[in-house]
Amino acid sequence: MAPRVLLARHGQTAWSLSGRHTGRTDIPLLDEGRRGAKLLGERLHREPWAGLPDAEVRTSPLLRASDTCELAGFGGGRSRPWDALMEFDYGAYEGMTPAEIQAVRPGWFIWRDGVPDGETLAQVAARADEVVEWARSADRDVLVFAHGHILRAIGARWLGEDVSFASRIRLAPTSLSVLDWAYGEPAIGVWNDTGHLAGR
C-alpha cells in the first residue's frame, strides 16, 4: 500500500472565485492561482516532502489542474494526465452558482440530488474508487493534482464512506491534503491545508 496519498487542488480560477460549478469547462488559472501553485510547489520541495523524488504523479488533463501541477514543479516527464481525475460533470448546472441552482430547484444538494444531464453520483464514486484502488496498489507515495469535488469524493471513498460524505470535507483552491493510515486503517493525515499561501 502507498505510504501517503497527497491531494493538491488546483489554483484559483475566475469561476472558483465566484463559486460557479466548473466541471469540464477548461478555464485557466488566475494570476492568484498561478502564484498559489508556485507556493504549493515550494512547500512540496522543502522538508518533509523534499520534492517527493520517488512519488508517482498524476494530474487531471484539464488546464487548471495540469498548469497547477506544472507550476508546482511536477510537470513534464514527472506527471501523467488521467481522465479519472477530471472534475464532476455538472451537466445542465455547469457554470451556475449554488444560489442560481437553488432559485430553480429549491432545496437542491449536489451530494444527494446529483445533476441533470451530467454524471451520476454513482459514476463519480466509481471514478473515485478507481483512483483509490490505484493509490493503494502503489508501493510509494502518490501525488495527484485535480479538482474540489472529485478530490472530496476520493477522500470519502478512501475512508470507506459513501460518496455523500464528501459534503463534510471541503477543499479550498491550492490546498494540500494527505491520506494515509492509522492503526492499519485508512485515515486523513492532513486536510485542506493552505498554510503555504500564507508563507507557512
Protein backbone atom coordinates (compact mmCIF):
# COMPACT_ATOMS: atom_id res chain seq x y z
CA MET A 1 0.00 0.00 0.00
CA ALA A 2 1.07 3.60 -0.62
CA PRO A 3 2.63 5.23 2.45
CA ARG A 4 0.89 8.53 1.60
CA VAL A 5 -1.52 9.90 -0.97
CA LEU A 6 -1.12 13.64 -1.48
CA LEU A 7 -4.06 15.55 -2.96
CA ALA A 8 -3.49 19.00 -4.46
CA ARG A 9 -6.47 21.06 -5.57
CA HIS A 10 -5.84 23.39 -8.49
CA GLY A 11 -5.26 27.11 -8.01
CA GLN A 12 -7.86 29.85 -8.09
CA THR A 13 -9.82 30.50 -11.30
CA ALA A 14 -12.41 33.14 -12.13
CA TRP A 15 -15.18 30.57 -11.70
CA SER A 16 -13.90 29.09 -8.43
CA LEU A 17 -13.61 32.66 -7.10
CA SER A 18 -17.25 33.40 -7.99
CA GLY A 19 -18.49 29.97 -6.81
CA ARG A 20 -19.55 28.73 -10.24
CA HIS A 21 -19.65 24.98 -10.77
CA THR A 22 -16.68 24.31 -13.01
CA GLY A 23 -16.75 20.79 -14.35
CA ARG A 24 -15.43 20.20 -17.84
CA THR A 25 -15.16 23.87 -18.87
CA ASP A 26 -11.44 24.31 -19.43
CA ILE A 27 -10.65 27.70 -17.95
CA PRO A 28 -7.21 29.00 -16.96
CA LEU A 29 -5.80 29.92 -13.59
CA LEU A 30 -5.94 33.50 -12.40
CA ASP A 31 -2.65 35.20 -11.51
CA GLU A 32 -3.56 34.44 -7.87
CA GLY A 33 -3.95 30.77 -8.79
CA ARG A 34 -0.59 30.69 -10.56
CA ARG A 35 1.10 32.29 -7.54
CA GLY A 36 -0.56 29.79 -5.22
CA ALA A 37 0.57 26.87 -7.37
CA LYS A 38 4.17 28.08 -7.16
CA LEU A 39 3.90 28.43 -3.37
CA LEU A 40 2.48 24.92 -3.14
CA GLY A 41 5.42 23.68 -5.20
CA GLU A 42 7.90 25.45 -2.95
CA ARG A 43 6.31 23.76 0.05
CA LEU A 44 6.45 20.32 -1.54
CA HIS A 45 10.10 20.81 -2.47
CA ARG A 46 11.03 21.58 1.17
CA GLU A 47 11.22 19.12 4.03
CA PRO A 48 9.49 16.91 4.92
CA TRP A 49 8.49 16.34 1.30
CA ALA A 50 11.85 17.19 -0.34
CA GLY A 51 10.31 17.17 -3.80
CA LEU A 52 8.81 13.68 -3.39
CA PRO A 53 11.53 12.21 -5.63
CA ASP A 54 10.03 8.71 -5.71
CA ALA A 55 6.36 9.68 -5.91
CA GLU A 56 4.12 8.74 -8.80
CA VAL A 57 2.38 11.90 -10.04
CA ARG A 58 -0.94 12.09 -11.89
CA THR A 59 -2.98 15.11 -12.94
CA SER A 60 -6.38 15.86 -14.35
CA PRO A 61 -5.90 16.80 -18.01
CA LEU A 62 -7.94 19.98 -17.54
CA LEU A 63 -5.83 23.11 -17.83
CA ARG A 64 -6.36 24.49 -14.33
CA ALA A 65 -5.08 21.26 -12.76
CA SER A 66 -2.30 20.46 -15.24
CA ASP A 67 -0.99 24.03 -15.04
CA THR A 68 -1.02 23.84 -11.23
CA CYS A 69 0.99 20.63 -11.50
CA GLU A 70 3.46 22.27 -13.90
CA LEU A 71 3.85 25.47 -11.87
CA ALA A 72 4.38 23.42 -8.70
CA GLY A 73 7.33 21.72 -10.38
CA PHE A 74 5.80 18.30 -11.08
CA GLY A 75 5.03 18.61 -14.78
CA GLY A 76 6.90 17.38 -17.81
CA GLY A 77 8.08 13.83 -17.52
CA ARG A 78 7.13 13.58 -13.84
CA SER A 79 3.37 13.53 -14.26
CA ARG A 80 0.80 11.70 -16.36
CA PRO A 81 -2.67 13.00 -17.24
CA TRP A 82 -5.56 10.80 -16.14
CA ASP A 83 -9.21 11.27 -17.07
CA ALA A 84 -10.30 9.65 -13.80
CA LEU A 85 -9.15 12.86 -12.07
CA MET A 86 -11.38 15.18 -14.12
CA GLU A 87 -13.95 17.19 -12.20
CA PHE A 88 -17.58 16.14 -11.72
CA ASP A 89 -19.50 16.63 -14.99
CA TYR A 90 -22.14 19.10 -13.81
CA GLY A 91 -24.29 18.78 -16.93
CA ALA A 92 -27.05 21.37 -17.01
CA TYR A 93 -25.64 23.07 -13.91
CA GLU A 94 -22.24 23.81 -15.43
CA GLY A 95 -21.25 27.43 -14.81
CA MET A 96 -24.05 28.07 -12.30
CA THR A 97 -23.61 29.14 -8.68
CA PRO A 98 -25.39 27.27 -5.87
CA ALA A 99 -27.71 30.27 -5.42
CA GLU A 100 -28.70 30.18 -9.11
CA ILE A 101 -29.41 26.46 -8.89
CA GLN A 102 -31.44 26.91 -5.68
CA ALA A 103 -33.55 29.52 -7.46
CA VAL A 104 -34.75 26.92 -9.97
CA ARG A 105 -34.54 23.87 -7.70
CA PRO A 106 -35.13 24.83 -4.05
CA GLY A 107 -33.52 22.52 -1.52
CA TRP A 108 -31.08 21.10 -4.05
CA PHE A 109 -28.00 19.40 -2.58
CA ILE A 110 -25.45 18.05 -5.04
CA TRP A 111 -24.24 15.18 -2.83
CA ARG A 112 -27.80 13.88 -2.52
CA ASP A 113 -29.57 15.03 -5.68
CA GLY A 114 -26.85 14.97 -8.32
CA VAL A 115 -27.19 16.99 -11.53
CA PRO A 116 -29.36 16.70 -14.65
CA ASP A 117 -27.62 15.73 -17.90
CA GLY A 118 -24.28 15.16 -16.16
CA GLU A 119 -22.58 12.45 -14.14
CA THR A 120 -24.47 10.49 -11.54
CA LEU A 121 -23.14 10.25 -8.01
CA ALA A 122 -22.53 6.55 -8.69
CA GLN A 123 -20.33 7.43 -11.66
CA VAL A 124 -18.35 9.94 -9.59
CA ALA A 125 -17.93 7.33 -6.84
CA ALA A 126 -16.72 4.77 -9.39
CA ARG A 127 -14.04 7.16 -10.64
CA ALA A 128 -13.00 7.94 -7.08
CA ASP A 129 -12.79 4.20 -6.36
CA GLU A 130 -10.55 3.76 -9.41
CA VAL A 131 -8.15 6.38 -8.02
CA VAL A 132 -8.22 4.83 -4.53
CA GLU A 133 -7.53 1.36 -5.93
CA TRP A 134 -4.59 2.70 -7.95
CA ALA A 135 -3.21 4.60 -4.95
CA ARG A 136 -3.43 1.59 -2.66
CA SER A 137 -1.67 -0.62 -5.21
CA ALA A 138 1.43 1.57 -5.23
CA ASP A 139 4.47 0.88 -3.07
CA ARG A 140 5.45 4.55 -2.92
CA ASP A 141 3.90 7.96 -2.31
CA VAL A 142 1.44 9.24 -4.89
CA LEU A 143 0.61 12.87 -5.68
CA VAL A 144 -2.46 13.95 -7.63
CA PHE A 145 -3.50 17.35 -8.95
CA ALA A 146 -7.22 17.67 -9.51
CA HIS A 147 -10.43 19.48 -8.53
CA GLY A 148 -12.50 20.17 -5.45
CA HIS A 149 -15.41 17.77 -5.82
CA ILE A 150 -13.53 14.79 -7.26
CA LEU A 151 -10.83 15.12 -4.59
CA ARG A 152 -13.50 15.27 -1.88
CA ALA A 153 -15.05 12.13 -3.38
CA ILE A 154 -11.64 10.42 -3.31
CA GLY A 155 -11.26 11.40 0.35
CA ALA A 156 -14.67 9.94 1.20
CA ARG A 157 -14.05 6.70 -0.65
CA TRP A 158 -10.53 6.36 0.82
CA LEU A 159 -12.21 6.25 4.22
CA GLY A 160 -14.75 3.70 3.00
CA GLU A 161 -17.59 6.21 3.32
CA ASP A 162 -20.45 6.80 0.89
CA VAL A 163 -19.58 9.46 -1.67
CA SER A 164 -22.09 11.79 0.04
CA PHE A 165 -19.60 12.07 2.94
CA ALA A 166 -17.67 14.41 0.62
CA SER A 167 -20.11 17.15 1.60
CA ARG A 168 -18.41 17.26 5.02
CA ILE A 169 -14.82 17.67 3.85
CA ARG A 170 -14.49 20.93 1.95
CA LEU A 171 -11.40 21.95 -0.01
CA ALA A 172 -10.02 25.40 -0.81
CA PRO A 173 -8.17 26.21 -4.04
CA THR A 174 -4.48 25.26 -3.96
CA SER A 175 -4.95 23.28 -0.76
CA LEU A 176 -2.86 20.26 0.19
CA SER A 177 -4.32 17.14 1.80
CA VAL A 178 -2.73 13.84 2.77
CA LEU A 179 -4.47 10.49 3.00
CA ASP A 180 -2.60 7.87 4.97
CA TRP A 181 -3.10 5.13 7.55
CA ALA A 182 -3.75 4.89 11.29
CA TYR A 183 -3.59 1.53 13.08
CA GLY A 184 -3.75 -0.17 9.70
CA GLU A 185 -6.93 1.63 8.66
CA PRO A 186 -7.35 4.37 6.03
CA ALA A 187 -7.14 7.81 7.64
CA ILE A 188 -6.87 11.50 6.87
CA GLY A 189 -3.45 12.79 7.89
CA VAL A 190 -3.89 16.38 6.70
CA TRP A 191 -6.92 18.04 5.13
CA ASN A 192 -7.44 21.35 3.34
CA ASP A 193 -4.10 22.81 4.44
CA THR A 194 -3.38 26.20 2.84
CA GLY A 195 -0.56 27.28 5.14
CA HIS A 196 1.80 27.69 2.17
CA LEU A 197 -0.40 30.50 0.82
CA ALA A 198 0.34 32.49 3.99
CA GLY A 199 4.06 31.73 3.84
CA ARG A 200 3.94 28.88 6.38
